[in-house]
Protein backbone atom coordinates (compact mmCIF):
# COMPACT_ATOMS: atom_id res chain seq x y z
CA MET A 1 -38.11 -24.34 -26.00
CA SER A 2 -40.78 -21.69 -25.31
CA ASN A 3 -40.66 -21.32 -21.53
CA LEU A 4 -37.81 -20.61 -19.12
CA SER A 5 -39.18 -23.37 -16.92
CA GLU A 6 -38.12 -25.95 -19.57
CA LEU A 7 -34.52 -25.30 -18.47
CA LEU A 8 -35.31 -26.81 -15.08
CA PRO A 9 -34.41 -30.44 -14.48
CA ALA A 10 -37.29 -32.74 -13.71
CA GLY A 11 -38.22 -32.79 -10.07
CA GLY A 12 -36.61 -29.50 -9.04
CA GLY A 13 -33.97 -26.93 -9.59
CA GLY A 14 -31.07 -28.11 -7.46
CA LYS A 15 -29.54 -26.47 -4.40
CA SER A 16 -31.47 -28.71 -2.04
CA ALA A 17 -30.34 -30.12 1.27
CA ASP A 18 -31.68 -32.63 3.76
CA PHE A 19 -32.97 -31.44 7.14
CA VAL A 20 -34.71 -33.01 10.11
CA ALA A 21 -38.24 -31.70 10.53
CA SER A 22 -39.43 -30.20 13.78
CA GLY A 23 -43.15 -30.88 13.40
CA ALA A 24 -44.82 -32.39 10.35
CA LEU A 25 -44.23 -30.42 7.15
CA SER A 26 -46.31 -30.44 3.98
CA ASN A 27 -45.04 -30.42 0.40
CA GLY A 28 -44.20 -26.86 -0.71
CA GLN A 29 -44.02 -25.60 2.87
CA THR A 30 -41.87 -22.54 3.59
CA VAL A 31 -39.54 -23.48 6.41
CA ALA A 32 -37.36 -21.66 8.96
CA LEU A 33 -34.02 -22.85 10.31
CA LYS A 34 -33.95 -23.42 14.08
CA THR A 35 -30.87 -22.95 16.26
CA ASN A 36 -30.54 -26.74 16.63
CA GLY A 37 -30.23 -27.19 12.85
CA GLN A 38 -33.74 -28.57 12.32
CA VAL A 39 -36.39 -26.88 10.20
CA GLU A 40 -39.93 -25.91 11.16
CA ALA A 41 -42.85 -24.44 9.28
CA VAL A 42 -42.87 -20.68 8.89
CA GLY A 43 -45.87 -19.45 10.82
CA GLU A 44 -47.29 -17.14 13.44
CA THR A 45 -47.90 -17.70 17.12
CA THR A 46 -49.90 -15.50 19.44
CA VAL A 47 -48.09 -13.92 22.37
CA SER A 48 -50.42 -12.96 25.21
CA PRO A 49 -50.00 -9.71 27.16
CA SER A 50 -48.03 -10.21 30.34
CA MET A 51 -47.13 -7.57 32.89
CA PRO A 52 -45.25 -7.10 34.99
CA LEU A 53 -42.63 -9.63 33.91
CA GLY A 54 -39.90 -10.48 36.37
CA THR A 55 -39.11 -8.34 39.36
CA GLN A 56 -39.28 -4.58 39.73
CA THR A 57 -35.62 -3.50 39.74
CA GLU A 58 -33.92 -0.48 41.26
CA PHE A 59 -31.64 1.30 38.80
CA ALA A 60 -30.92 4.52 40.73
CA PRO A 61 -30.07 3.83 44.40
CA ARG A 62 -30.20 7.44 45.56
CA HIS A 63 -32.15 10.62 44.84
CA SER A 64 -32.84 10.57 41.10
CA VAL A 65 -34.95 12.84 38.92
CA LEU A 66 -35.80 13.44 35.26
CA ASN A 67 -35.78 9.79 34.17
CA LYS A 68 -35.75 9.10 30.43
CA ILE A 69 -35.70 5.63 28.79
CA VAL A 70 -35.35 4.78 25.08
CA ALA A 71 -35.38 1.38 23.32
CA ASP A 72 -32.34 0.40 21.25
CA PRO A 73 -33.42 0.03 17.57
CA HIS A 74 -30.47 -2.29 16.87
CA ASN A 75 -30.98 -4.70 19.81
CA SER A 76 -34.52 -5.73 20.71
CA ASN A 77 -33.48 -6.64 24.27
CA ARG A 78 -31.73 -3.40 25.22
CA TRP A 79 -32.64 0.07 26.50
CA ILE A 80 -30.76 3.11 27.73
CA ILE A 81 -31.76 5.23 30.74
CA VAL A 82 -30.52 8.73 31.49
CA TRP A 83 -31.36 10.73 34.61
CA ALA A 84 -30.06 13.46 36.88
CA ASP A 85 -28.55 12.85 40.30
CA ASP A 86 -30.41 15.15 42.67
CA ASP A 87 -28.07 14.75 45.66
CA GLY A 88 -26.46 18.10 44.97
CA SER A 89 -23.97 17.39 42.20
CA GLU A 90 -26.70 17.22 39.52
CA ASP A 91 -24.59 14.86 37.43
CA VAL A 92 -26.10 13.20 34.34
CA LEU A 93 -26.03 9.45 34.86
CA VAL A 94 -26.51 6.68 32.32
CA ARG A 95 -27.27 2.97 32.50
CA ILE A 96 -27.61 0.36 29.77
CA ILE A 97 -30.32 -2.23 30.51
CA THR A 98 -30.18 -5.63 28.79
CA LEU A 99 -32.92 -8.23 29.04
CA SER A 100 -32.57 -12.02 28.95
CA GLY A 101 -35.92 -13.73 29.47
CA THR A 102 -37.31 -11.81 32.41
CA THR A 103 -33.93 -11.02 33.98
CA TRP A 104 -32.33 -7.60 33.76
CA THR A 105 -28.62 -7.00 33.43
CA LEU A 106 -27.70 -3.44 34.40
CA SER A 107 -24.47 -1.73 33.54
CA SER A 108 -22.81 0.24 36.29
CA GLU A 109 -23.74 3.90 36.62
CA ILE A 110 -21.92 5.85 33.93
CA ASN A 111 -21.31 9.46 34.98
CA MET A 112 -20.93 11.99 32.18
CA GLY A 113 -18.53 13.96 34.41
CA LEU A 114 -20.12 17.37 33.96
CA SER A 115 -18.93 20.28 36.08
CA GLY A 116 -21.13 22.66 38.06
CA SER A 117 -24.47 22.14 39.76
CA VAL A 118 -27.48 22.95 37.56
CA ALA A 119 -30.78 21.31 36.62
CA ARG A 120 -29.51 19.09 33.83
CA THR A 121 -32.76 18.07 32.04
CA PRO A 122 -31.17 15.16 30.14
CA THR A 123 -32.65 13.26 27.22
CA VAL A 124 -31.22 10.69 24.80
CA ALA A 125 -31.68 9.15 21.35
CA TRP A 126 -30.15 6.17 19.61
CA ASP A 127 -28.59 6.63 16.18
CA LYS A 128 -30.82 4.76 13.68
CA ALA A 129 -27.95 3.96 11.32
CA THR A 130 -25.07 3.12 13.65
CA ALA A 131 -25.27 0.54 16.43
CA ASN A 132 -23.94 1.52 19.87
CA LYS A 133 -24.10 5.22 19.05
CA ILE A 134 -26.21 7.67 21.09
CA VAL A 135 -26.70 11.41 21.44
CA ILE A 136 -27.39 12.86 24.90
CA THR A 137 -28.59 16.43 25.44
CA TYR A 138 -28.58 18.30 28.75
CA ASN A 139 -27.99 21.70 30.34
CA ASN A 140 -24.26 22.40 30.68
CA SER A 141 -22.53 24.13 33.61
CA SER A 142 -23.78 27.51 32.29
CA ASN A 143 -27.33 26.14 32.03
CA ASP A 144 -27.18 26.23 28.22
CA GLY A 145 -28.61 23.41 26.10
CA SER A 146 -25.76 21.14 25.00
CA ALA A 147 -25.18 17.77 23.33
CA LYS A 148 -22.57 15.02 23.17
CA VAL A 149 -22.23 11.88 21.07
CA GLY A 150 -21.61 8.70 23.05
CA THR A 151 -20.14 5.43 21.77
CA ILE A 152 -21.01 2.31 23.78
CA SER A 153 -18.60 -0.60 24.14
CA GLY A 154 -18.40 -3.72 26.29
CA SER A 155 -20.66 -6.70 26.94
CA ALA A 156 -23.97 -6.69 28.82
CA GLY A 157 -23.47 -5.54 32.40
CA SER A 158 -20.01 -4.10 31.82
CA GLU A 159 -20.66 -1.43 29.20
CA SER A 160 -18.75 1.83 29.07
CA ILE A 161 -19.38 4.97 27.03
CA SER A 162 -16.81 7.27 25.42
CA PHE A 163 -18.11 10.79 24.77
CA GLY A 164 -17.20 13.26 22.07
CA ALA A 165 -16.84 17.02 22.47
CA GLU A 166 -19.61 19.08 24.01
CA HIS A 167 -21.63 21.23 21.61
CA THR A 168 -23.81 24.06 22.91
CA PHE A 169 -26.83 24.51 20.64
CA THR A 170 -28.85 27.09 22.59
CA THR A 171 -28.17 29.69 25.26
CA GLN A 172 -31.60 28.96 26.70
CA THR A 173 -32.05 26.74 29.73
CA MET A 174 -34.02 23.62 28.81
CA TYR A 175 -36.82 22.80 31.23
CA TRP A 176 -38.63 19.57 31.93
CA TYR A 177 -42.41 19.63 31.98
CA SER A 178 -43.20 17.18 34.79
CA ARG A 179 -45.46 14.93 32.68
CA ASN A 180 -43.33 14.89 29.52
CA PRO A 181 -39.53 15.03 29.23
CA PRO A 182 -37.93 17.02 26.39
CA GLN A 183 -37.88 14.97 23.19
CA LEU A 184 -34.85 14.15 21.08
CA LEU A 185 -35.84 12.35 17.87
CA CYS A 186 -33.39 10.69 15.47
CA LEU A 187 -34.95 11.65 12.15
CA ASP A 188 -33.13 9.48 9.62
CA ASN A 189 -30.05 7.41 8.83
CA SER A 190 -27.87 10.47 8.21
CA GLY A 191 -27.33 11.60 11.79
CA ASN A 192 -30.02 14.28 11.89
CA TYR A 193 -31.91 14.83 15.16
CA LEU A 194 -34.77 17.07 16.24
CA GLN A 195 -34.48 18.45 19.78
CA ILE A 196 -37.71 19.83 21.24
CA PHE A 197 -37.57 21.68 24.54
CA ARG A 198 -39.38 24.09 26.81
CA GLY A 199 -37.12 27.16 27.05
CA SER A 200 -36.31 29.92 29.48
CA THR A 201 -37.41 32.59 26.98
CA GLY A 202 -41.19 32.67 27.32
CA TYR A 203 -40.85 30.26 30.24
CA GLY A 204 -43.95 28.19 30.90
CA THR A 205 -45.64 28.38 27.50
CA ALA A 206 -42.94 28.51 24.81
CA VAL A 207 -41.58 25.38 23.12
CA TYR A 208 -38.64 25.38 20.73
CA GLY A 209 -37.11 23.05 18.18
CA ILE A 210 -33.64 22.78 16.70
CA ILE A 211 -31.92 20.37 14.30
CA LEU A 212 -28.76 18.71 15.59
CA GLN A 213 -26.43 16.98 13.13
CA ALA A 214 -24.18 14.21 14.41
CA PRO A 215 -23.05 12.03 11.49
CA SER A 216 -19.87 11.10 13.39
CA THR A 217 -18.74 11.79 16.97
CA THR A 218 -19.20 15.55 16.86
CA VAL A 219 -22.39 17.62 16.92
CA THR A 220 -23.35 20.74 14.98
CA SER A 221 -26.70 22.53 14.89
CA GLY A 222 -28.91 24.94 12.99
CA SER A 223 -30.95 27.83 14.37
CA GLU A 224 -33.69 27.22 16.88
CA ALA A 225 -37.28 27.68 15.77
CA THR A 226 -40.23 28.70 17.94
CA LEU A 227 -42.76 25.89 17.69
CA THR A 228 -45.38 27.57 19.88
CA THR A 229 -45.69 30.26 22.54
CA THR A 230 -49.00 28.98 23.90
CA ALA A 231 -48.31 25.52 25.36
CA LYS A 232 -49.74 25.15 28.87
CA ASP A 233 -46.83 24.37 31.21
CA GLY A 234 -44.83 23.38 28.12
CA ALA A 235 -46.88 20.17 27.76
CA SER A 236 -46.06 18.75 24.32
CA SER A 237 -45.19 15.66 22.29
CA ALA A 238 -43.92 14.91 18.78
CA SER A 239 -43.75 11.98 16.38
CA ILE A 240 -41.96 11.45 13.06
CA VAL A 241 -44.24 10.56 10.14
CA PRO A 242 -43.04 6.97 9.41
CA THR A 243 -43.40 7.38 5.63
CA ASP A 244 -41.56 10.73 5.47
CA SER A 245 -38.73 11.60 7.88
CA THR A 246 -38.87 15.27 6.82
CA LYS A 247 -42.29 15.61 8.48
CA VAL A 248 -42.89 15.67 12.25
CA ILE A 249 -46.26 15.97 13.98
CA PHE A 250 -46.09 18.28 17.00
CA ALA A 251 -48.85 18.39 19.66
CA TYR A 252 -49.32 20.55 22.73
CA LEU A 253 -52.02 21.68 25.15
CA GLU A 254 -53.04 25.18 24.10
CA ASN A 255 -52.77 27.45 27.09
CA THR A 256 -55.78 29.77 26.70
CA GLN A 257 -58.40 27.20 25.71
CA GLU A 258 -56.90 23.99 27.17
CA LYS A 259 -57.54 22.08 24.00
CA PRO A 260 -54.98 19.94 22.11
CA ALA A 261 -53.27 21.78 19.27
CA ILE A 262 -51.45 20.12 16.35
CA LYS A 263 -48.88 21.45 13.92
CA GLN A 264 -46.90 19.80 11.15
CA LEU A 265 -43.18 20.56 11.13
CA SER A 266 -41.37 20.36 7.79
CA ILE A 267 -37.61 19.84 7.96
CA SER A 268 -35.05 20.60 5.28
CA GLY A 269 -31.42 20.37 6.31
CA THR A 270 -31.25 22.33 9.57
CA SER A 271 -34.32 24.45 8.81
CA ILE A 272 -37.70 23.87 10.47
CA THR A 273 -40.87 25.23 8.89
CA VAL A 274 -43.71 25.37 11.40
CA GLY A 275 -47.16 24.73 9.98
CA SER A 276 -50.45 26.27 11.00
CA GLU A 277 -52.08 25.49 14.34
CA ASN A 278 -55.02 23.08 14.28
CA LEU A 279 -57.02 23.29 17.49
CA GLY A 280 -59.00 20.30 18.71
CA PRO A 281 -62.71 20.63 19.56
CA THR A 282 -62.56 19.12 23.07
CA LEU A 283 -61.01 20.28 26.33
CA THR A 284 -58.26 17.95 27.60
CA GLY A 285 -56.04 17.73 30.68
CA ASP A 286 -52.29 18.27 31.04
CA GLU A 287 -51.47 14.93 32.69
CA GLY A 288 -49.41 14.01 29.64
CA PHE A 289 -49.29 13.84 25.84
CA SER A 290 -48.10 10.82 23.87
CA LEU A 291 -48.29 11.12 20.12
CA THR A 292 -47.70 8.39 17.50
CA ALA A 293 -47.97 9.00 13.76
CA MET A 294 -49.12 5.57 12.53
CA ASP A 295 -48.73 6.29 8.82
CA ALA A 296 -48.94 9.22 6.39
CA THR A 297 -52.42 10.24 7.54
CA LYS A 298 -53.35 8.68 10.90
CA ILE A 299 -52.14 9.77 14.34
CA VAL A 300 -52.93 8.30 17.76
CA MET A 301 -52.84 10.73 20.69
CA ILE A 302 -52.99 9.58 24.31
CA THR A 303 -53.97 12.31 26.75
CA SER A 304 -56.54 12.87 29.54
CA THR A 305 -59.97 14.39 29.92
CA ASN A 306 -60.37 17.88 31.30
CA GLY A 307 -61.55 18.07 34.90
CA THR A 308 -61.96 14.34 35.57
CA LYS A 309 -58.38 13.61 34.42
CA TYR A 310 -59.32 10.22 32.95
CA PRO A 311 -56.77 8.67 30.53
CA ALA A 312 -58.21 9.03 27.03
CA TYR A 313 -57.29 8.67 23.37
CA GLN A 314 -58.05 10.59 20.21
CA ILE A 315 -57.39 9.59 16.60
CA LEU A 316 -56.43 12.37 14.21
CA THR A 317 -56.33 12.50 10.42
CA ASN A 318 -53.65 14.51 8.62
CA SER A 319 -54.39 15.99 5.22
CA SER A 320 -51.25 17.84 4.07
CA GLY A 321 -50.82 19.58 7.41
CA SER A 322 -54.53 20.14 8.06
CA PHE A 323 -55.82 17.97 10.89
CA SER A 324 -59.25 16.63 11.82
CA PHE A 325 -59.92 15.27 15.29
CA GLY A 326 -61.82 12.11 16.19
CA THR A 327 -63.83 11.66 19.36
CA LEU A 328 -61.98 11.94 22.67
CA THR A 329 -62.62 8.48 24.16
CA VAL A 330 -62.01 7.51 27.80
CA ILE A 331 -59.63 4.58 28.35
CA THR A 332 -60.51 4.08 32.01
CA SER A 333 -62.58 6.05 34.52
CA THR A 334 -59.65 6.55 36.87
CA SER A 335 -58.60 10.06 37.80
CA SER A 336 -54.87 10.09 36.97
CA MET A 337 -51.87 12.32 37.61
CA TYR A 338 -49.58 10.83 34.96
CA VAL A 339 -50.51 9.47 31.51
CA ASN A 340 -48.09 8.23 28.85
CA ALA A 341 -47.82 5.58 26.14
CA SER A 342 -45.39 3.94 23.70
CA ASN A 343 -45.74 2.26 20.31
CA ASN A 344 -42.55 1.21 18.53
CA LEU A 345 -44.39 0.70 15.19
CA SER A 346 -42.34 -2.46 14.63
CA ASN A 347 -43.71 -5.99 14.11
CA ASP A 348 -47.23 -5.71 15.54
CA SER A 349 -47.63 -1.93 15.32
CA SER A 350 -51.30 -2.09 16.24
CA THR A 351 -50.51 -3.16 19.80
CA PHE A 352 -49.07 -0.64 22.23
CA ILE A 353 -48.84 0.14 25.94
CA THR A 354 -50.43 3.02 27.83
CA SER A 355 -49.67 3.71 31.49
CA TYR A 356 -51.13 6.00 34.11
CA VAL A 357 -51.01 6.67 37.85
CA ASN A 358 -54.16 7.13 39.90
CA SER A 359 -54.27 10.51 41.61
CA SER A 360 -56.13 9.35 44.73
CA GLY A 361 -55.59 6.46 47.14
CA THR A 362 -52.34 4.50 46.95
CA ARG A 363 -50.57 5.76 43.83
CA TYR A 364 -49.41 2.73 41.89
CA ALA A 365 -48.42 2.80 38.23
CA ARG A 366 -51.03 0.95 36.17
CA ALA A 367 -51.23 -0.05 32.53
CA LYS A 368 -53.47 -1.28 29.74
CA VAL A 369 -52.64 -2.78 26.35
CA GLY A 370 -54.30 -0.96 23.46
CA THR A 371 -55.09 -2.62 20.12
CA ILE A 372 -55.79 -0.33 17.17
CA ASN A 373 -58.30 -1.63 14.64
CA ALA A 374 -57.29 -2.22 11.03
CA GLY A 375 -58.80 1.06 9.86
CA ILE A 376 -57.08 3.09 12.60
CA SER A 377 -60.44 4.47 13.67
CA SER A 378 -60.82 3.02 17.17
CA ILE A 379 -58.81 1.33 19.93
CA SER A 380 -59.78 -1.47 22.32
CA PHE A 381 -58.04 -1.90 25.68
CA ASN A 382 -57.56 -5.00 27.85
CA THR A 383 -58.05 -5.18 31.60
CA GLU A 384 -55.97 -2.97 33.87
CA THR A 385 -52.75 -4.28 35.41
CA GLN A 386 -50.83 -2.82 38.33
CA LEU A 387 -47.26 -2.27 37.15
CA SER A 388 -45.39 -0.99 40.20
CA THR A 389 -45.08 -2.56 43.62
CA THR A 390 -43.97 0.68 45.31
CA VAL A 391 -45.82 3.97 45.55
CA PHE A 392 -45.28 6.33 42.64
CA SER A 393 -43.83 9.80 43.08
CA ASN A 394 -42.79 11.34 39.75
CA TYR A 395 -40.65 11.22 36.58
CA ALA A 396 -42.13 8.30 34.68
CA ASP A 397 -41.26 7.26 31.15
CA ILE A 398 -42.03 4.21 29.01
CA ALA A 399 -40.44 2.65 25.91
CA GLN A 400 -41.70 -0.27 23.82
CA GLN A 401 -39.21 -2.46 21.98
CA SER A 402 -39.20 -3.72 18.39
CA ASP A 403 -39.61 -7.41 19.22
CA SER A 404 -42.74 -9.33 18.24
CA SER A 405 -43.84 -9.65 21.89
CA GLY A 406 -44.11 -5.87 22.33
CA THR A 407 -41.74 -5.89 25.30
CA PHE A 408 -41.69 -2.56 27.12
CA ALA A 409 -39.83 -0.97 30.02
CA PHE A 410 -41.37 1.53 32.45
CA VAL A 411 -39.27 3.72 34.74
CA PHE A 412 -40.40 5.88 37.63
CA GLU A 413 -39.34 7.55 40.86
CA ARG A 414 -40.94 6.15 43.99
CA THR A 415 -42.27 8.08 46.97
CA GLY A 416 -40.11 8.26 50.09
CA ALA A 417 -36.51 7.29 49.41
CA ASP A 418 -36.45 9.07 46.03
CA LYS A 419 -35.03 6.03 44.30
CA SER A 420 -36.00 5.04 40.78
CA PHE A 421 -37.08 1.66 39.43
CA ILE A 422 -37.67 -0.17 36.17
CA VAL A 423 -40.54 -2.55 35.40
CA LEU A 424 -40.85 -4.93 32.45
CA GLY A 425 -43.95 -6.03 30.55
CA GLN A 426 -45.22 -7.37 27.23
CA THR A 427 -48.14 -6.05 25.21
CA GLY A 428 -48.34 -9.35 23.30
CA GLY A 429 -49.21 -9.70 19.63
CA SER A 430 -48.34 -11.99 16.77
CA SER A 431 -44.88 -13.58 16.68
CA THR A 432 -43.43 -15.06 13.51
CA ASN A 433 -40.27 -16.96 12.63
CA SER A 434 -40.35 -15.77 8.99
CA ALA A 435 -37.03 -13.92 9.42
CA ASP A 436 -35.37 -17.38 9.67
CA PHE A 437 -36.78 -18.52 6.30
CA ILE A 438 -34.33 -20.85 4.57
CA GLY A 439 -36.29 -22.58 1.79
CA ILE A 440 -39.24 -24.68 0.63
CA THR A 441 -39.81 -28.41 1.15
CA ASP A 442 -39.56 -30.69 -1.91
CA ALA A 443 -42.06 -33.15 -0.42
CA ALA A 444 -43.95 -33.77 2.80
CA ILE A 445 -41.72 -34.60 5.79
CA SER A 446 -42.93 -36.35 8.94
CA ASP A 447 -42.06 -34.98 12.35
CA THR A 448 -38.43 -35.89 13.30
CA ALA A 449 -37.89 -37.42 9.84
CA SER A 450 -35.30 -36.22 7.34
CA GLY A 451 -36.36 -34.67 4.05
CA SER A 452 -35.27 -32.49 1.18
CA VAL A 453 -35.59 -28.69 1.17
CA THR A 454 -34.79 -26.40 -1.77
CA VAL A 455 -32.74 -23.68 -0.15
CA LYS A 456 -32.04 -20.07 -1.10
CA GLY A 457 -30.43 -19.79 -4.52
CA GLY A 458 -32.24 -22.86 -5.80
CA VAL A 459 -35.44 -23.30 -7.79
CA SER A 460 -38.42 -24.80 -6.01
CA THR A 461 -41.02 -26.59 -8.14
CA SER A 462 -43.28 -27.47 -5.22
CA VAL A 463 -45.36 -24.30 -5.43
CA SER A 464 -48.48 -23.37 -7.36
CA SER A 465 -50.64 -20.49 -8.64
CA LEU A 466 -47.76 -18.06 -9.11
CA THR A 467 -47.67 -15.19 -11.61
CA ILE A 468 -44.70 -15.51 -13.95
CA GLY A 469 -42.11 -12.77 -13.48
CA SER A 470 -43.57 -11.51 -10.20
CA ASP A 471 -41.51 -11.07 -7.06
CA TYR A 472 -42.80 -12.97 -4.03
CA PHE A 473 -42.32 -12.44 -0.31
CA VAL A 474 -42.69 -14.72 2.68
CA GLN A 475 -45.57 -13.55 4.86
CA GLY A 476 -45.69 -13.92 8.62
CA ASN A 477 -48.06 -16.90 8.33
CA GLY A 478 -45.71 -18.73 5.94
CA THR A 479 -47.56 -18.09 2.68
CA LEU A 480 -45.97 -16.63 -0.45
CA SER A 481 -47.44 -13.38 -1.71
CA THR A 482 -46.57 -10.42 -3.92
CA THR A 483 -47.36 -8.24 -0.89
CA THR A 484 -44.05 -6.73 0.25
CA SER A 485 -42.63 -7.98 3.54
CA THR A 486 -39.19 -7.87 5.13
CA VAL A 487 -38.48 -11.42 3.89
CA PRO A 488 -38.08 -11.73 0.09
CA ALA A 489 -38.73 -15.22 -1.29
CA GLY A 490 -37.78 -14.88 -4.95
CA ARG A 491 -39.12 -14.52 -8.51
CA ALA A 492 -41.66 -16.80 -10.20
CA LEU A 493 -40.23 -18.56 -13.26
CA SER A 494 -43.52 -20.29 -14.00
CA THR A 495 -46.83 -20.81 -12.27
CA THR A 496 -45.27 -23.72 -10.35
CA SER A 497 -41.63 -22.72 -9.87
CA ILE A 498 -39.79 -19.96 -8.07
CA LEU A 499 -36.13 -18.94 -8.06
CA LEU A 500 -35.41 -18.42 -4.38
CA GLU A 501 -33.45 -15.26 -3.61
CA GLY A 502 -30.04 -15.65 -2.06
């Protein structure tokens, strides 16, 4: 015996089972298990953009301000909204939003029960490592920046939140720049968060950062760092570098020149090292900043043009904290008063949503889907869609989910009754069932017929052109490749056999 493959019995490696085919399957086809027990070919389908989906829904039935929405990284159909009640009590209110199809299920309003009457400036982040765990920051009864850990329990529509002890991390009052809420970023799986806020010291142009640590139900913090003292109206945005959670890209509108400025923040424990300022070459507006670090070097910034206030994008390149700026490119020739965007970087990371509100005429929230080219050098946008059915007033935010359809939720305050609403949409993209991979067919199977599938843990001999000893992964289109994906297939024992993982 000279080859490991000679150990295999003729015709396969065992651990096979019979399944009914949903659709015709070829020999050696990777298959996914459906909820009805049948198997179908692993493959991709195209999901078209669709917005709005379902009905615009009211989530705050009285005067509400400072809306912030964040997608749940553990549940691709769930978001959390925090906002301040502006009826006089200035309570921080919370709602969990769960989606089924195009129907929302809203939890009841959850009041954090804070004392006093101050401008709360709330924001929220999900814990990346622990499901149903959140951190909410706000101004406490003394107007100091504070944080609490919340633990969510209960089924959709009847959730409750238990809160840990309040931790005050700054004696400054946190302020909300009207186009961008303060950002709270969960950095890693160890309970480390970066809070960025416009402070009362150097009010109007100073922005600060501080590391919060919440590995359990209590919060501690390091010392605050001054990120800049020259941000116009505190307009800023930040994004974690997806390949290195110790690096954060921080952007703001420089006050004296009204050009975008970029810095790289380096984080070690609770210390923040602020890199040098890199000033962009082109004047921009202050209708909003949305920043997404796509990988170790490329960054997409959504902003607006100076003067005309047209929504626009700019692609930046990061070279060890030194940034070069691409051309500022107009998205649409619509003068806008509010510009923001969201890209979850999950599944189809090249497809994202950008929203804006026209500054003249009837102010409706509008949106376009952006698709970034493979080289991250340009973006194409689809036709404009009107998102809202009521006139926009203020306090908009948007959050894209991690599902393959690019589902997003947009929240805003309407003009008049000062109520706030949520709107659903999909950016579209490529959807795959590869996560449900169960095995490889032993022979061709006709639609609705029963046939044999070598399942995980078995050895399939219905494959070809493999490299012995190499690890293979199931790709979104159903092929096997040595290119890493989230779905491991197994290791090649010969050019025509593979030991399926599991």
